[in-house]
N, C-alpha and C. Protein backbone atom coordinates (compact mmCIF):
# COMPACT_ATOMS: atom_id res chain seq x y z
N MET A 1 0.83 -1.20 0.00
CA MET A 1 0.00 0.00 0.00
C MET A 1 0.86 1.25 0.00
N LYS A 2 1.94 1.24 0.81
CA LYS A 2 2.83 2.40 0.86
C LYS A 2 3.49 2.62 -0.50
N GLY A 3 3.83 1.50 -1.17
CA GLY A 3 4.42 1.61 -2.51
C GLY A 3 3.48 2.26 -3.50
N LEU A 4 2.22 1.90 -3.44
CA LEU A 4 1.22 2.47 -4.32
C LEU A 4 1.04 3.97 -4.05
N LEU A 5 0.99 4.34 -2.79
CA LEU A 5 0.86 5.76 -2.43
C LEU A 5 2.08 6.55 -2.88
N LEU A 6 3.26 5.95 -2.72
CA LEU A 6 4.49 6.62 -3.15
C LEU A 6 4.47 6.82 -4.67
N ALA A 7 4.06 5.79 -5.40
CA ALA A 7 3.99 5.89 -6.86
C ALA A 7 2.99 6.98 -7.28
N LEU A 8 1.85 7.02 -6.63
CA LEU A 8 0.85 8.06 -6.93
C LEU A 8 1.39 9.45 -6.61
N ALA A 9 2.11 9.56 -5.51
CA ALA A 9 2.69 10.85 -5.11
C ALA A 9 3.71 11.33 -6.12
N LEU A 10 4.42 10.41 -6.76
CA LEU A 10 5.41 10.80 -7.76
C LEU A 10 4.78 11.09 -9.12
N VAL A 11 3.74 10.35 -9.48
CA VAL A 11 3.12 10.50 -10.78
C VAL A 11 2.16 11.69 -10.83
N ALA A 12 1.47 11.97 -9.77
CA ALA A 12 0.47 13.05 -9.76
C ALA A 12 1.04 14.40 -10.17
N PRO A 13 2.21 14.82 -9.63
CA PRO A 13 2.75 16.11 -10.08
C PRO A 13 3.11 16.12 -11.56
N LEU A 14 3.59 15.00 -12.09
CA LEU A 14 3.92 14.94 -13.51
C LEU A 14 2.67 15.08 -14.36
N ALA A 15 1.61 14.41 -13.98
CA ALA A 15 0.34 14.53 -14.71
C ALA A 15 -0.20 15.95 -14.64
N ALA A 16 -0.09 16.57 -13.47
CA ALA A 16 -0.55 17.96 -13.31
C ALA A 16 0.29 18.90 -14.16
N ALA A 17 1.60 18.66 -14.21
CA ALA A 17 2.48 19.51 -15.02
C ALA A 17 2.12 19.38 -16.50
N GLU A 18 1.84 18.15 -16.96
CA GLU A 18 1.46 17.95 -18.36
C GLU A 18 0.14 18.65 -18.66
N ARG A 19 -0.81 18.59 -17.72
CA ARG A 19 -2.09 19.29 -17.92
C ARG A 19 -1.87 20.79 -18.00
N ASP A 20 -1.00 21.34 -17.13
CA ASP A 20 -0.72 22.77 -17.17
C ASP A 20 -0.06 23.16 -18.49
N MET A 21 0.88 22.33 -18.96
CA MET A 21 1.54 22.61 -20.24
C MET A 21 0.52 22.56 -21.37
N ALA A 22 -0.33 21.56 -21.35
CA ALA A 22 -1.35 21.44 -22.39
C ALA A 22 -2.30 22.64 -22.36
N ARG A 23 -2.64 23.11 -21.18
CA ARG A 23 -3.53 24.27 -21.05
C ARG A 23 -2.85 25.52 -21.62
N GLU A 24 -1.57 25.71 -21.30
CA GLU A 24 -0.85 26.86 -21.84
C GLU A 24 -0.73 26.77 -23.36
N LEU A 25 -0.41 25.57 -23.87
CA LEU A 25 -0.32 25.39 -25.31
C LEU A 25 -1.66 25.65 -25.98
N ASP A 26 -2.75 25.24 -25.34
CA ASP A 26 -4.07 25.50 -25.88
C ASP A 26 -4.33 27.00 -25.95
N ASP A 27 -3.91 27.75 -24.94
CA ASP A 27 -4.06 29.20 -24.97
C ASP A 27 -3.25 29.81 -26.11
N VAL A 28 -2.01 29.34 -26.27
CA VAL A 28 -1.16 29.84 -27.36
C VAL A 28 -1.81 29.54 -28.70
N ALA A 29 -2.30 28.33 -28.88
CA ALA A 29 -2.94 27.94 -30.14
C ALA A 29 -4.21 28.75 -30.40
N ARG A 30 -4.98 29.00 -29.36
CA ARG A 30 -6.21 29.80 -29.50
C ARG A 30 -5.87 31.21 -29.97
N ILE A 31 -4.85 31.78 -29.37
CA ILE A 31 -4.43 33.14 -29.75
C ILE A 31 -3.86 33.14 -31.17
N ALA A 32 -3.13 32.08 -31.52
CA ALA A 32 -2.56 31.98 -32.87
C ALA A 32 -3.65 31.98 -33.94
N THR A 33 -4.77 31.34 -33.66
CA THR A 33 -5.87 31.31 -34.63
C THR A 33 -6.32 32.73 -34.97
N VAL A 34 -6.26 33.62 -34.00
CA VAL A 34 -6.68 35.01 -34.22
C VAL A 34 -5.55 35.84 -34.83
N MET A 35 -4.31 35.55 -34.45
CA MET A 35 -3.19 36.43 -34.81
C MET A 35 -2.48 36.08 -36.13
N VAL A 36 -2.49 34.82 -36.52
CA VAL A 36 -1.75 34.42 -37.73
C VAL A 36 -2.57 34.77 -38.97
N ASP A 37 -1.96 35.49 -39.88
CA ASP A 37 -2.61 35.99 -41.09
C ASP A 37 -2.61 34.91 -42.17
N GLY A 38 -3.75 34.28 -42.39
CA GLY A 38 -3.87 33.21 -43.37
C GLY A 38 -3.60 33.66 -44.79
N ASP A 39 -3.91 34.92 -45.10
CA ASP A 39 -3.62 35.44 -46.44
C ASP A 39 -2.10 35.49 -46.66
N ALA A 40 -1.36 35.93 -45.66
CA ALA A 40 0.11 35.95 -45.75
C ALA A 40 0.65 34.52 -45.84
N CYS A 41 0.05 33.61 -45.08
CA CYS A 41 0.49 32.21 -45.11
C CYS A 41 0.39 31.63 -46.51
N ARG A 42 -0.67 31.97 -47.21
CA ARG A 42 -0.86 31.47 -48.58
C ARG A 42 0.20 32.00 -49.53
N ARG A 43 0.78 33.16 -49.22
CA ARG A 43 1.79 33.76 -50.10
C ARG A 43 3.21 33.30 -49.80
N ILE A 44 3.43 32.54 -48.74
CA ILE A 44 4.80 32.21 -48.33
C ILE A 44 5.52 31.36 -49.38
N VAL A 45 5.02 30.19 -49.69
CA VAL A 45 5.70 29.30 -50.64
C VAL A 45 5.38 29.78 -52.05
N THR A 46 6.43 29.96 -52.86
CA THR A 46 6.23 30.47 -54.21
C THR A 46 5.60 29.42 -55.12
N PRO A 47 4.91 29.87 -56.18
CA PRO A 47 4.35 28.91 -57.14
C PRO A 47 5.43 28.00 -57.74
N ARG A 48 6.60 28.54 -57.97
CA ARG A 48 7.70 27.74 -58.52
C ARG A 48 8.08 26.61 -57.57
N ALA A 49 8.18 26.91 -56.29
CA ALA A 49 8.52 25.88 -55.30
C ALA A 49 7.44 24.81 -55.24
N LEU A 50 6.18 25.22 -55.31
CA LEU A 50 5.08 24.25 -55.31
C LEU A 50 5.14 23.35 -56.54
N GLU A 51 5.52 23.93 -57.67
CA GLU A 51 5.63 23.17 -58.91
C GLU A 51 6.71 22.09 -58.80
N TYR A 52 7.82 22.42 -58.16
CA TYR A 52 8.93 21.47 -58.04
C TYR A 52 8.76 20.48 -56.88
N MET A 53 7.83 20.72 -55.97
CA MET A 53 7.73 19.93 -54.75
C MET A 53 7.60 18.43 -55.01
N PHE A 54 6.88 18.04 -56.06
CA PHE A 54 6.66 16.62 -56.32
C PHE A 54 7.44 16.12 -57.54
N LYS A 55 8.38 16.93 -58.03
CA LYS A 55 9.16 16.49 -59.19
C LYS A 55 10.25 15.51 -58.76
N ASN A 56 10.42 14.49 -59.58
CA ASN A 56 11.50 13.53 -59.38
C ASN A 56 12.38 13.55 -60.62
N ASP A 57 13.66 13.69 -60.39
CA ASP A 57 14.62 13.70 -61.49
C ASP A 57 15.73 12.71 -61.13
N PRO A 58 15.87 11.61 -61.88
CA PRO A 58 16.90 10.62 -61.55
C PRO A 58 18.31 11.20 -61.57
N LYS A 59 18.52 12.28 -62.32
CA LYS A 59 19.84 12.91 -62.38
C LYS A 59 20.07 13.89 -61.24
N ASP A 60 18.98 14.31 -60.60
CA ASP A 60 19.08 15.29 -59.51
C ASP A 60 18.07 14.92 -58.42
N PRO A 61 18.47 14.06 -57.46
CA PRO A 61 17.53 13.65 -56.41
C PRO A 61 17.12 14.79 -55.47
N TRP A 62 17.80 15.91 -55.54
CA TRP A 62 17.52 17.02 -54.63
C TRP A 62 16.79 18.16 -55.32
N VAL A 63 16.22 17.89 -56.51
CA VAL A 63 15.59 18.95 -57.30
C VAL A 63 14.50 19.68 -56.52
N ALA A 64 13.69 18.98 -55.75
CA ALA A 64 12.61 19.63 -55.01
C ALA A 64 13.16 20.55 -53.92
N GLY A 65 14.08 20.06 -53.13
CA GLY A 65 14.66 20.86 -52.06
C GLY A 65 15.49 22.03 -52.58
N ASP A 66 16.21 21.81 -53.66
CA ASP A 66 17.04 22.88 -54.23
C ASP A 66 16.19 24.00 -54.80
N ASN A 67 14.95 23.71 -55.13
CA ASN A 67 14.08 24.72 -55.71
C ASN A 67 12.99 25.19 -54.74
N TYR A 68 13.18 24.93 -53.46
CA TYR A 68 12.22 25.41 -52.46
C TYR A 68 12.55 26.86 -52.16
N GLU A 69 11.60 27.73 -52.38
CA GLU A 69 11.82 29.15 -52.12
C GLU A 69 10.55 29.76 -51.56
N VAL A 70 10.73 30.88 -50.88
CA VAL A 70 9.61 31.55 -50.24
C VAL A 70 9.57 33.02 -50.61
N ASN A 71 8.40 33.60 -50.43
CA ASN A 71 8.22 35.04 -50.53
C ASN A 71 8.73 35.61 -49.20
N ASP A 72 9.86 36.29 -49.24
CA ASP A 72 10.52 36.74 -48.01
C ASP A 72 9.62 37.58 -47.11
N GLU A 73 8.89 38.51 -47.70
CA GLU A 73 8.07 39.42 -46.90
C GLU A 73 7.00 38.67 -46.10
N ALA A 74 6.30 37.79 -46.77
CA ALA A 74 5.25 37.01 -46.08
C ALA A 74 5.88 36.05 -45.07
N PHE A 75 6.96 35.38 -45.45
CA PHE A 75 7.62 34.43 -44.56
C PHE A 75 8.08 35.10 -43.27
N ILE A 76 8.76 36.23 -43.40
CA ILE A 76 9.30 36.92 -42.22
C ILE A 76 8.17 37.43 -41.32
N ALA A 77 7.13 37.99 -41.91
CA ALA A 77 6.02 38.50 -41.10
C ALA A 77 5.36 37.38 -40.30
N VAL A 78 5.09 36.24 -40.94
CA VAL A 78 4.45 35.13 -40.23
C VAL A 78 5.42 34.51 -39.24
N LYS A 79 6.68 34.37 -39.60
CA LYS A 79 7.69 33.79 -38.69
C LYS A 79 7.78 34.63 -37.42
N LYS A 80 7.81 35.94 -37.55
CA LYS A 80 7.87 36.81 -36.37
C LYS A 80 6.64 36.61 -35.48
N THR A 81 5.48 36.49 -36.09
CA THR A 81 4.26 36.26 -35.31
C THR A 81 4.36 34.94 -34.55
N LEU A 82 4.81 33.89 -35.23
CA LEU A 82 4.93 32.58 -34.59
C LEU A 82 5.94 32.61 -33.44
N LEU A 83 7.05 33.32 -33.64
CA LEU A 83 8.04 33.44 -32.57
C LEU A 83 7.46 34.17 -31.36
N ARG A 84 6.73 35.24 -31.62
CA ARG A 84 6.12 35.98 -30.50
C ARG A 84 5.10 35.10 -29.76
N LEU A 85 4.34 34.34 -30.50
CA LEU A 85 3.36 33.45 -29.88
C LEU A 85 4.05 32.42 -28.99
N SER A 86 5.21 31.93 -29.40
CA SER A 86 5.91 30.91 -28.61
C SER A 86 6.36 31.47 -27.26
N HIS A 87 6.52 32.78 -27.16
CA HIS A 87 6.93 33.40 -25.90
C HIS A 87 5.78 33.54 -24.91
N LEU A 88 4.56 33.25 -25.32
CA LEU A 88 3.43 33.32 -24.40
C LEU A 88 3.45 32.18 -23.38
N ALA A 89 4.11 31.07 -23.71
CA ALA A 89 4.20 29.94 -22.79
C ALA A 89 5.31 30.19 -21.76
N SER A 90 5.14 29.63 -20.59
CA SER A 90 6.14 29.81 -19.51
C SER A 90 7.26 28.78 -19.60
N PHE A 91 7.31 28.02 -20.68
CA PHE A 91 8.32 26.98 -20.89
C PHE A 91 8.68 27.02 -22.37
N PRO A 92 9.81 26.44 -22.77
CA PRO A 92 10.16 26.44 -24.20
C PRO A 92 9.12 25.70 -25.02
N CYS A 93 8.63 26.37 -26.03
CA CYS A 93 7.70 25.75 -26.97
C CYS A 93 7.93 26.35 -28.34
N ASP A 94 7.42 25.71 -29.34
CA ASP A 94 7.46 26.22 -30.70
C ASP A 94 6.04 26.33 -31.22
N VAL A 95 5.85 27.25 -32.15
CA VAL A 95 4.58 27.36 -32.87
C VAL A 95 4.94 27.26 -34.35
N ASN A 96 4.56 26.15 -34.95
CA ASN A 96 4.90 25.84 -36.34
C ASN A 96 3.69 26.03 -37.24
N LEU A 97 3.95 26.39 -38.49
CA LEU A 97 2.88 26.56 -39.48
C LEU A 97 2.88 25.37 -40.43
N TRP A 98 1.73 24.72 -40.54
CA TRP A 98 1.50 23.60 -41.46
C TRP A 98 0.44 24.02 -42.47
N MET A 99 0.65 23.61 -43.73
CA MET A 99 -0.34 23.94 -44.77
C MET A 99 -0.61 22.71 -45.63
N PRO A 100 -1.88 22.52 -45.99
CA PRO A 100 -2.19 21.45 -46.94
C PRO A 100 -1.65 21.83 -48.31
N ILE A 101 -1.51 20.85 -49.18
CA ILE A 101 -0.95 21.09 -50.51
C ILE A 101 -2.06 20.93 -51.54
N ALA A 102 -2.36 22.00 -52.27
CA ALA A 102 -3.42 21.98 -53.27
C ALA A 102 -3.16 20.86 -54.28
N GLY A 103 -4.21 20.11 -54.59
CA GLY A 103 -4.08 19.01 -55.54
C GLY A 103 -3.61 17.72 -54.92
N HIS A 104 -3.23 17.76 -53.63
CA HIS A 104 -2.75 16.58 -52.91
C HIS A 104 -3.44 16.57 -51.54
N PRO A 105 -4.72 16.20 -51.49
CA PRO A 105 -5.49 16.35 -50.25
C PRO A 105 -4.99 15.51 -49.08
N ASP A 106 -4.16 14.52 -49.35
CA ASP A 106 -3.65 13.67 -48.27
C ASP A 106 -2.25 14.07 -47.83
N LYS A 107 -1.74 15.20 -48.36
CA LYS A 107 -0.38 15.66 -48.05
C LYS A 107 -0.42 17.00 -47.32
N VAL A 108 0.62 17.24 -46.53
CA VAL A 108 0.76 18.49 -45.78
C VAL A 108 2.25 18.84 -45.75
N ARG A 109 2.53 20.13 -45.60
CA ARG A 109 3.93 20.55 -45.50
C ARG A 109 4.08 21.47 -44.30
N VAL A 110 5.23 21.38 -43.66
CA VAL A 110 5.54 22.33 -42.61
C VAL A 110 6.19 23.52 -43.32
N VAL A 111 5.54 24.66 -43.26
CA VAL A 111 6.00 25.85 -43.98
C VAL A 111 6.99 26.63 -43.13
N ILE A 112 6.73 26.72 -41.83
CA ILE A 112 7.64 27.42 -40.92
C ILE A 112 7.79 26.59 -39.66
N ARG A 113 9.04 26.26 -39.35
CA ARG A 113 9.38 25.67 -38.06
C ARG A 113 9.93 26.79 -37.20
N ASN A 114 9.89 26.60 -35.91
CA ASN A 114 10.31 27.65 -35.01
C ASN A 114 11.72 27.40 -34.49
N ARG A 115 12.16 28.22 -33.58
CA ARG A 115 13.56 28.28 -33.17
C ARG A 115 14.12 27.01 -32.56
N ASN A 116 13.32 26.24 -31.84
CA ASN A 116 13.82 25.01 -31.21
C ASN A 116 13.67 23.78 -32.11
N GLU A 117 13.03 23.96 -33.26
CA GLU A 117 12.75 22.88 -34.19
C GLU A 117 12.00 21.73 -33.54
N LEU A 118 11.08 22.08 -32.63
CA LEU A 118 10.24 21.08 -31.99
C LEU A 118 9.03 20.81 -32.87
N SER A 119 8.74 19.56 -33.09
CA SER A 119 7.50 19.15 -33.74
C SER A 119 7.28 17.68 -33.45
N GLN A 120 6.07 17.38 -33.09
CA GLN A 120 5.71 15.99 -32.82
C GLN A 120 5.53 15.21 -34.12
N PHE A 121 5.40 15.91 -35.24
CA PHE A 121 5.00 15.27 -36.48
C PHE A 121 6.02 15.33 -37.61
N TRP A 122 6.91 16.29 -37.62
CA TRP A 122 7.77 16.52 -38.77
C TRP A 122 8.98 15.59 -38.79
N PRO A 123 9.13 14.77 -39.84
CA PRO A 123 10.36 14.00 -39.98
C PRO A 123 11.44 14.91 -40.57
N TRP A 124 12.55 15.01 -39.92
CA TRP A 124 13.59 15.97 -40.30
C TRP A 124 13.90 15.87 -41.78
N GLY A 125 13.90 17.03 -42.44
CA GLY A 125 14.29 17.12 -43.84
C GLY A 125 13.16 16.96 -44.85
N ALA A 126 11.98 16.56 -44.42
CA ALA A 126 10.88 16.31 -45.36
C ALA A 126 10.26 17.62 -45.85
N LEU A 127 10.07 17.75 -47.16
CA LEU A 127 9.38 18.91 -47.72
C LEU A 127 7.88 18.79 -47.55
N TYR A 128 7.40 17.56 -47.61
CA TYR A 128 5.98 17.29 -47.41
C TYR A 128 5.85 15.89 -46.83
N GLN A 129 4.66 15.58 -46.34
CA GLN A 129 4.43 14.27 -45.75
C GLN A 129 2.95 13.95 -45.77
N ASP A 130 2.62 12.73 -45.41
CA ASP A 130 1.21 12.36 -45.30
C ASP A 130 0.57 13.16 -44.18
N MET A 131 -0.66 13.58 -44.41
CA MET A 131 -1.39 14.33 -43.40
C MET A 131 -1.86 13.37 -42.30
N ILE A 132 -1.56 13.70 -41.06
CA ILE A 132 -2.01 12.85 -39.97
C ILE A 132 -3.50 13.13 -39.72
N PRO A 133 -4.23 12.15 -39.20
CA PRO A 133 -5.67 12.33 -38.99
C PRO A 133 -6.03 13.54 -38.12
N ALA A 134 -5.22 13.84 -37.10
CA ALA A 134 -5.53 14.99 -36.24
C ALA A 134 -5.48 16.29 -37.03
N MET A 135 -4.52 16.43 -37.94
CA MET A 135 -4.44 17.64 -38.77
C MET A 135 -5.65 17.74 -39.68
N LYS A 136 -6.02 16.63 -40.28
CA LYS A 136 -7.20 16.62 -41.15
C LYS A 136 -8.45 17.03 -40.38
N GLN A 137 -8.57 16.54 -39.16
CA GLN A 137 -9.73 16.89 -38.32
C GLN A 137 -9.78 18.39 -38.05
N VAL A 138 -8.64 19.00 -37.73
CA VAL A 138 -8.60 20.44 -37.47
C VAL A 138 -8.94 21.22 -38.73
N LEU A 139 -8.38 20.80 -39.87
CA LEU A 139 -8.65 21.50 -41.13
C LEU A 139 -10.12 21.38 -41.53
N GLU A 140 -10.76 20.28 -41.20
CA GLU A 140 -12.18 20.08 -41.57
C GLU A 140 -13.15 20.72 -40.59
N THR A 141 -12.81 20.72 -39.29
CA THR A 141 -13.77 21.18 -38.28
C THR A 141 -13.49 22.59 -37.75
N GLY A 142 -12.23 23.04 -37.84
CA GLY A 142 -11.87 24.32 -37.26
C GLY A 142 -11.72 24.29 -35.75
N GLN A 143 -11.73 23.11 -35.17
CA GLN A 143 -11.61 22.97 -33.71
C GLN A 143 -10.16 22.69 -33.31
N ARG A 144 -9.71 23.30 -32.22
CA ARG A 144 -8.38 23.00 -31.68
C ARG A 144 -8.37 21.56 -31.18
N LEU A 145 -7.19 20.95 -31.22
CA LEU A 145 -7.08 19.56 -30.83
C LEU A 145 -5.74 19.30 -30.15
N LYS A 146 -5.78 18.72 -28.95
CA LYS A 146 -4.56 18.32 -28.25
C LYS A 146 -4.14 16.95 -28.76
N VAL A 147 -2.83 16.80 -29.04
CA VAL A 147 -2.29 15.54 -29.54
C VAL A 147 -1.09 15.14 -28.70
N THR A 148 -1.12 13.90 -28.22
CA THR A 148 -0.01 13.36 -27.42
C THR A 148 0.36 11.97 -27.95
N GLU A 149 0.55 11.86 -29.25
CA GLU A 149 0.85 10.56 -29.87
C GLU A 149 2.22 10.03 -29.47
N LYS A 150 3.23 10.90 -29.43
CA LYS A 150 4.58 10.48 -29.08
C LYS A 150 4.80 10.71 -27.59
N PRO A 151 5.35 9.72 -26.90
CA PRO A 151 5.61 9.89 -25.46
C PRO A 151 6.49 11.11 -25.19
N GLY A 152 6.07 11.90 -24.21
CA GLY A 152 6.83 13.09 -23.83
C GLY A 152 6.52 14.33 -24.64
N TRP A 153 5.66 14.23 -25.63
CA TRP A 153 5.33 15.36 -26.50
C TRP A 153 3.89 15.78 -26.26
N VAL A 154 3.66 17.09 -26.29
CA VAL A 154 2.31 17.65 -26.24
C VAL A 154 2.22 18.70 -27.34
N SER A 155 1.24 18.54 -28.21
CA SER A 155 0.97 19.51 -29.27
C SER A 155 -0.49 19.91 -29.19
N VAL A 156 -0.76 21.15 -29.52
CA VAL A 156 -2.14 21.59 -29.74
C VAL A 156 -2.18 22.15 -31.15
N LEU A 157 -3.06 21.58 -31.96
CA LEU A 157 -3.26 22.02 -33.34
C LEU A 157 -4.45 22.96 -33.39
N ALA A 158 -4.31 24.04 -34.15
CA ALA A 158 -5.38 25.03 -34.26
C ALA A 158 -5.44 25.56 -35.69
N PRO A 159 -6.63 25.91 -36.17
CA PRO A 159 -6.77 26.37 -37.55
C PRO A 159 -6.22 27.78 -37.76
N VAL A 160 -5.84 28.04 -39.02
CA VAL A 160 -5.43 29.37 -39.47
C VAL A 160 -6.43 29.76 -40.56
N TYR A 161 -6.98 30.96 -40.43
CA TYR A 161 -8.02 31.44 -41.35
C TYR A 161 -7.50 32.58 -42.23
N ASP A 162 -8.04 32.66 -43.44
CA ASP A 162 -7.76 33.81 -44.30
C ASP A 162 -8.83 34.87 -44.07
N SER A 163 -8.75 35.97 -44.80
CA SER A 163 -9.67 37.09 -44.59
C SER A 163 -11.11 36.77 -45.01
N LEU A 164 -11.32 35.70 -45.75
CA LEU A 164 -12.66 35.28 -46.13
C LEU A 164 -13.26 34.29 -45.15
N GLY A 165 -12.49 33.93 -44.13
CA GLY A 165 -12.96 32.98 -43.13
C GLY A 165 -12.72 31.52 -43.49
N ASP A 166 -11.95 31.27 -44.55
CA ASP A 166 -11.62 29.89 -44.94
C ASP A 166 -10.40 29.41 -44.18
N ILE A 167 -10.42 28.14 -43.79
CA ILE A 167 -9.25 27.54 -43.13
C ILE A 167 -8.22 27.25 -44.22
N VAL A 168 -7.01 27.82 -44.06
CA VAL A 168 -5.96 27.65 -45.06
C VAL A 168 -4.78 26.84 -44.54
N GLY A 169 -4.75 26.61 -43.26
CA GLY A 169 -3.63 25.87 -42.67
C GLY A 169 -3.89 25.66 -41.20
N LEU A 170 -2.83 25.28 -40.48
CA LEU A 170 -2.96 25.12 -39.04
C LEU A 170 -1.63 25.39 -38.38
N VAL A 171 -1.70 25.72 -37.10
CA VAL A 171 -0.49 25.88 -36.30
C VAL A 171 -0.39 24.69 -35.35
N GLU A 172 0.84 24.36 -35.03
CA GLU A 172 1.15 23.35 -34.01
C GLU A 172 1.89 24.06 -32.90
N ALA A 173 1.25 24.23 -31.75
CA ALA A 173 1.93 24.73 -30.55
C ALA A 173 2.41 23.48 -29.83
N VAL A 174 3.72 23.37 -29.61
CA VAL A 174 4.30 22.10 -29.19
C VAL A 174 5.42 22.27 -28.17
N THR A 175 5.51 21.31 -27.28
CA THR A 175 6.65 21.23 -26.38
C THR A 175 6.96 19.76 -26.15
N GLN A 176 8.09 19.56 -25.52
CA GLN A 176 8.58 18.21 -25.24
C GLN A 176 8.98 18.14 -23.78
N GLU A 177 8.68 17.04 -23.15
CA GLU A 177 9.02 16.85 -21.74
C GLU A 177 9.92 15.62 -21.62
N PRO A 178 11.14 15.68 -21.13
CA PRO A 178 11.75 16.88 -20.57
C PRO A 178 12.13 17.86 -21.68
N VAL A 179 12.11 19.13 -21.35
CA VAL A 179 12.41 20.17 -22.30
C VAL A 179 13.92 20.21 -22.54
N ASP A 180 14.29 20.11 -23.82
CA ASP A 180 15.69 20.24 -24.24
C ASP A 180 15.69 21.15 -25.47
N PRO A 181 15.78 22.47 -25.27
CA PRO A 181 15.62 23.41 -26.38
C PRO A 181 16.60 23.20 -27.53
N GLN A 182 17.73 22.56 -27.29
CA GLN A 182 18.70 22.35 -28.37
C GLN A 182 18.69 20.91 -28.87
N GLY A 183 17.88 20.04 -28.29
CA GLY A 183 17.90 18.63 -28.63
C GLY A 183 17.48 18.30 -30.06
N ASN A 184 16.68 19.16 -30.68
CA ASN A 184 16.18 18.89 -32.03
C ASN A 184 16.82 19.77 -33.09
N VAL A 185 17.71 20.66 -32.70
CA VAL A 185 18.34 21.56 -33.64
C VAL A 185 19.41 20.78 -34.38
N LYS A 186 19.30 20.71 -35.68
CA LYS A 186 20.25 19.97 -36.50
C LYS A 186 21.32 20.89 -37.03
């Protein structure tokens, strides 16, 4: 019985800390939905980069990555907003921008990663990837969603709207426990 009580005493603060982190991330994500400019987000990746994203060239395996380019003005404006949003949390977190890819409804790309390169979903180096069900749910419903698929990770996904009220992407407010701000920087 004492062992069980000791185990509960050790686990309860960790569970409470995770709930507090998730609550803060939810607040950050909620604010991001209002603050991130979806019209600017749509202008970040250039049409040329989108054209090359799915090209395969046996003579140049890096053709897609070598031709990835952004509209600097839109990229910097949104990146600054995401960085400011990440400072709303009392612990290291990142706020990343994810966008679906037109013509590829099952694919998504991370358009902006933040300073710690934290993401529960992004495989390092990928220009695009399969859309996870939680992202699809946020894009379809407009509802924020907490995701804890990977042990030690907490993400809150939230929609990004354009000026017409259409969902154009989503943000991932994310942290990792234990926090290692340099652990994911390549």
